[in-house]
Amino acid sequence: MTHAYVIQIAGHTAGIVARDHAGQAFRFFASNQTFHPLEGVLFNEPEQAERAARRLFKARGLLGPVNIDDLTAIGRPARRPAYAHA
């Protein structure tokens, strides 16, 4: 059984997922700042991590720094800046 997988998106290495010590999940380790919001996230299967990385990449449209508040595409609600008025 493989314990680590490389996740590549659009020819770029997003990171790796490695089985945790208990063997129950895979933890994401980002190798590119674009995918840093996924750092440390646990996934049941490597394919779930790849899908999350693809959604993140698509939401951003290109490789570059990512603000975790922008990640509505992977289920995290976007927060409004404190200075924004309703």
N, C-alpha and C. Protein backbone atom coordinates (compact mmCIF):
# COMPACT_ATOMS: atom_id res chain seq x y z
N MET A 1 0.84 -1.18 0.00
CA MET A 1 0.00 0.00 0.00
C MET A 1 0.89 1.24 0.00
N THR A 2 0.59 2.17 -0.88
CA THR A 2 1.36 3.41 -0.96
C THR A 2 0.95 4.34 0.16
N HIS A 3 1.93 5.03 0.73
CA HIS A 3 1.66 5.90 1.86
C HIS A 3 1.77 7.38 1.52
N ALA A 4 2.22 7.70 0.29
CA ALA A 4 2.33 9.10 -0.11
C ALA A 4 2.09 9.22 -1.62
N TYR A 5 1.47 10.32 -2.00
CA TYR A 5 1.17 10.58 -3.40
C TYR A 5 1.51 12.02 -3.72
N VAL A 6 2.05 12.25 -4.91
CA VAL A 6 2.30 13.60 -5.40
C VAL A 6 1.03 14.08 -6.09
N ILE A 7 0.63 15.32 -5.79
CA ILE A 7 -0.54 15.93 -6.42
C ILE A 7 -0.03 16.99 -7.38
N GLN A 8 -0.33 16.81 -8.67
CA GLN A 8 0.07 17.79 -9.68
C GLN A 8 -1.18 18.37 -10.33
N ILE A 9 -1.15 19.68 -10.53
CA ILE A 9 -2.26 20.40 -11.15
C ILE A 9 -1.69 21.26 -12.27
N ALA A 10 -2.17 21.06 -13.47
CA ALA A 10 -1.76 21.86 -14.63
C ALA A 10 -0.23 21.91 -14.77
N GLY A 11 0.42 20.79 -14.55
CA GLY A 11 1.86 20.71 -14.72
C GLY A 11 2.68 21.25 -13.56
N HIS A 12 2.02 21.65 -12.49
CA HIS A 12 2.69 22.17 -11.31
C HIS A 12 2.46 21.23 -10.14
N THR A 13 3.49 21.02 -9.36
CA THR A 13 3.32 20.20 -8.17
C THR A 13 2.63 21.02 -7.10
N ALA A 14 1.43 20.59 -6.73
CA ALA A 14 0.66 21.28 -5.69
C ALA A 14 1.16 20.89 -4.31
N GLY A 15 1.53 19.61 -4.17
CA GLY A 15 2.00 19.12 -2.89
C GLY A 15 1.96 17.61 -2.87
N ILE A 16 2.06 17.07 -1.68
CA ILE A 16 1.93 15.63 -1.51
C ILE A 16 0.89 15.37 -0.43
N VAL A 17 0.31 14.20 -0.48
CA VAL A 17 -0.51 13.72 0.62
C VAL A 17 0.18 12.49 1.16
N ALA A 18 0.27 12.41 2.47
CA ALA A 18 0.93 11.28 3.12
C ALA A 18 -0.01 10.72 4.17
N ARG A 19 -0.04 9.40 4.26
CA ARG A 19 -0.88 8.73 5.25
C ARG A 19 -0.42 9.13 6.65
N ASP A 20 -1.38 9.44 7.52
CA ASP A 20 -1.03 9.81 8.89
C ASP A 20 -0.59 8.57 9.67
N HIS A 21 -0.08 8.78 10.87
CA HIS A 21 0.47 7.67 11.66
C HIS A 21 -0.57 6.61 11.99
N ALA A 22 -1.81 7.02 12.17
CA ALA A 22 -2.86 6.05 12.50
C ALA A 22 -3.33 5.29 11.26
N GLY A 23 -2.94 5.78 10.08
CA GLY A 23 -3.34 5.13 8.84
C GLY A 23 -4.78 5.37 8.45
N GLN A 24 -5.40 6.36 9.07
CA GLN A 24 -6.82 6.62 8.84
C GLN A 24 -7.10 7.70 7.79
N ALA A 25 -6.13 8.54 7.50
CA ALA A 25 -6.35 9.66 6.59
C ALA A 25 -5.03 10.06 5.94
N PHE A 26 -5.14 10.96 4.97
CA PHE A 26 -3.98 11.50 4.27
C PHE A 26 -3.89 12.99 4.57
N ARG A 27 -2.72 13.45 4.98
CA ARG A 27 -2.48 14.86 5.29
C ARG A 27 -1.81 15.52 4.09
N PHE A 28 -2.29 16.71 3.72
CA PHE A 28 -1.76 17.46 2.59
C PHE A 28 -0.58 18.32 3.04
N PHE A 29 0.49 18.28 2.25
CA PHE A 29 1.67 19.12 2.46
C PHE A 29 1.90 19.90 1.17
N ALA A 30 1.68 21.20 1.22
CA ALA A 30 1.78 22.05 0.03
C ALA A 30 3.24 22.26 -0.38
N SER A 31 3.49 22.21 -1.69
CA SER A 31 4.83 22.50 -2.19
C SER A 31 4.85 23.79 -2.99
N ASN A 32 3.72 24.45 -3.05
CA ASN A 32 3.58 25.69 -3.79
C ASN A 32 2.71 26.62 -2.96
N GLN A 33 3.07 27.88 -2.87
CA GLN A 33 2.34 28.82 -2.03
C GLN A 33 0.86 28.91 -2.43
N THR A 34 0.55 28.69 -3.67
CA THR A 34 -0.84 28.73 -4.11
C THR A 34 -1.69 27.74 -3.35
N PHE A 35 -1.12 26.62 -3.00
CA PHE A 35 -1.88 25.54 -2.36
C PHE A 35 -1.69 25.51 -0.84
N HIS A 36 -1.04 26.53 -0.30
CA HIS A 36 -0.81 26.57 1.14
C HIS A 36 -2.08 26.52 1.98
N PRO A 37 -3.22 27.05 1.51
CA PRO A 37 -4.44 26.94 2.31
C PRO A 37 -4.85 25.49 2.60
N LEU A 38 -4.37 24.54 1.82
CA LEU A 38 -4.69 23.13 2.05
C LEU A 38 -3.69 22.46 3.00
N GLU A 39 -2.64 23.18 3.38
CA GLU A 39 -1.59 22.63 4.24
C GLU A 39 -2.18 22.04 5.51
N GLY A 40 -1.87 20.78 5.76
CA GLY A 40 -2.31 20.12 6.98
C GLY A 40 -3.71 19.56 6.96
N VAL A 41 -4.47 19.83 5.91
CA VAL A 41 -5.85 19.32 5.84
C VAL A 41 -5.81 17.81 5.65
N LEU A 42 -6.69 17.12 6.38
CA LEU A 42 -6.79 15.66 6.27
C LEU A 42 -7.87 15.28 5.27
N PHE A 43 -7.55 14.28 4.45
CA PHE A 43 -8.48 13.74 3.46
C PHE A 43 -8.57 12.24 3.64
N ASN A 44 -9.75 11.68 3.38
CA ASN A 44 -9.93 10.23 3.49
C ASN A 44 -9.17 9.49 2.40
N GLU A 45 -9.11 10.08 1.21
CA GLU A 45 -8.47 9.46 0.05
C GLU A 45 -7.64 10.50 -0.69
N PRO A 46 -6.55 10.10 -1.34
CA PRO A 46 -5.74 11.05 -2.12
C PRO A 46 -6.54 11.76 -3.20
N GLU A 47 -7.52 11.08 -3.78
CA GLU A 47 -8.33 11.68 -4.84
C GLU A 47 -9.10 12.90 -4.33
N GLN A 48 -9.51 12.87 -3.08
CA GLN A 48 -10.21 14.02 -2.50
C GLN A 48 -9.27 15.22 -2.40
N ALA A 49 -8.03 14.99 -2.06
CA ALA A 49 -7.04 16.07 -2.00
C ALA A 49 -6.79 16.65 -3.38
N GLU A 50 -6.71 15.78 -4.38
CA GLU A 50 -6.50 16.26 -5.75
C GLU A 50 -7.68 17.11 -6.20
N ARG A 51 -8.90 16.68 -5.91
CA ARG A 51 -10.08 17.46 -6.30
C ARG A 51 -10.07 18.83 -5.61
N ALA A 52 -9.73 18.87 -4.32
CA ALA A 52 -9.67 20.13 -3.60
C ALA A 52 -8.62 21.05 -4.20
N ALA A 53 -7.47 20.51 -4.56
CA ALA A 53 -6.40 21.31 -5.18
C ALA A 53 -6.84 21.83 -6.55
N ARG A 54 -7.54 21.01 -7.31
CA ARG A 54 -8.05 21.46 -8.62
C ARG A 54 -9.06 22.59 -8.46
N ARG A 55 -9.97 22.46 -7.48
CA ARG A 55 -10.96 23.52 -7.25
C ARG A 55 -10.27 24.81 -6.83
N LEU A 56 -9.27 24.69 -5.98
CA LEU A 56 -8.53 25.86 -5.54
C LEU A 56 -7.82 26.52 -6.72
N PHE A 57 -7.17 25.72 -7.54
CA PHE A 57 -6.48 26.24 -8.72
C PHE A 57 -7.46 26.94 -9.66
N LYS A 58 -8.60 26.30 -9.89
CA LYS A 58 -9.61 26.88 -10.79
C LYS A 58 -10.18 28.17 -10.22
N ALA A 59 -10.39 28.21 -8.92
CA ALA A 59 -10.93 29.41 -8.29
C ALA A 59 -9.97 30.60 -8.43
N ARG A 60 -8.69 30.31 -8.40
CA ARG A 60 -7.70 31.37 -8.51
C ARG A 60 -7.38 31.71 -9.96
N GLY A 61 -7.51 30.75 -10.85
CA GLY A 61 -7.27 31.01 -12.26
C GLY A 61 -5.81 30.97 -12.68
N LEU A 62 -4.90 31.05 -11.73
CA LEU A 62 -3.47 31.00 -12.04
C LEU A 62 -2.71 30.75 -10.76
N LEU A 63 -1.45 30.41 -10.89
CA LEU A 63 -0.63 30.19 -9.71
C LEU A 63 -0.22 31.53 -9.11
N GLY A 64 -0.37 31.66 -7.84
CA GLY A 64 -0.02 32.87 -7.13
C GLY A 64 -0.47 32.74 -5.69
N PRO A 65 -0.17 33.73 -4.87
CA PRO A 65 -0.57 33.66 -3.47
C PRO A 65 -2.09 33.57 -3.33
N VAL A 66 -2.54 32.86 -2.32
CA VAL A 66 -3.96 32.65 -2.09
C VAL A 66 -4.32 33.11 -0.69
N ASN A 67 -5.44 33.80 -0.58
CA ASN A 67 -5.98 34.18 0.71
C ASN A 67 -7.03 33.16 1.09
N ILE A 68 -6.91 32.55 2.25
CA ILE A 68 -7.86 31.51 2.65
C ILE A 68 -9.29 32.01 2.66
N ASP A 69 -9.50 33.30 2.82
CA ASP A 69 -10.85 33.86 2.80
C ASP A 69 -11.49 33.79 1.42
N ASP A 70 -10.70 33.54 0.38
CA ASP A 70 -11.22 33.47 -0.99
C ASP A 70 -11.66 32.08 -1.39
N LEU A 71 -11.59 31.10 -0.49
CA LEU A 71 -11.76 29.71 -0.89
C LEU A 71 -13.19 29.19 -0.82
N THR A 72 -14.13 29.95 -1.28
CA THR A 72 -15.51 29.47 -1.27
C THR A 72 -15.66 28.23 -2.14
N ALA A 73 -14.78 28.05 -3.10
CA ALA A 73 -14.87 26.90 -4.01
C ALA A 73 -14.64 25.57 -3.30
N ILE A 74 -13.99 25.59 -2.15
CA ILE A 74 -13.77 24.32 -1.45
C ILE A 74 -14.53 24.28 -0.13
N GLY A 75 -15.57 25.08 -0.04
CA GLY A 75 -16.49 24.96 1.08
C GLY A 75 -16.22 25.84 2.28
N ARG A 76 -15.24 26.69 2.20
CA ARG A 76 -15.00 27.60 3.31
C ARG A 76 -15.66 28.93 2.98
N PRO A 77 -16.46 29.46 3.88
CA PRO A 77 -17.15 30.72 3.56
C PRO A 77 -16.18 31.89 3.47
N ALA A 78 -16.40 32.72 2.49
CA ALA A 78 -15.58 33.93 2.36
C ALA A 78 -16.03 34.92 3.42
N ARG A 79 -15.07 35.57 4.06
CA ARG A 79 -15.39 36.59 5.06
C ARG A 79 -15.23 37.96 4.44
N ARG A 80 -16.08 38.86 4.87
CA ARG A 80 -15.98 40.22 4.40
C ARG A 80 -14.93 40.95 5.23
N PRO A 81 -14.16 41.84 4.63
CA PRO A 81 -13.19 42.62 5.41
C PRO A 81 -13.89 43.43 6.49
N ALA A 82 -13.21 43.67 7.58
CA ALA A 82 -13.79 44.42 8.70
C ALA A 82 -14.22 45.82 8.29
N TYR A 83 -13.57 46.38 7.28
CA TYR A 83 -13.89 47.75 6.87
C TYR A 83 -15.04 47.83 5.88
N ALA A 84 -15.52 46.67 5.39
CA ALA A 84 -16.61 46.68 4.41
C ALA A 84 -17.92 47.02 5.11
N HIS A 85 -18.73 47.79 4.42
CA HIS A 85 -20.04 48.20 4.95
C HIS A 85 -21.13 47.43 4.24
N ALA A 86 -22.15 47.05 4.98
CA ALA A 86 -23.29 46.30 4.40
C ALA A 86 -24.16 47.22 3.59
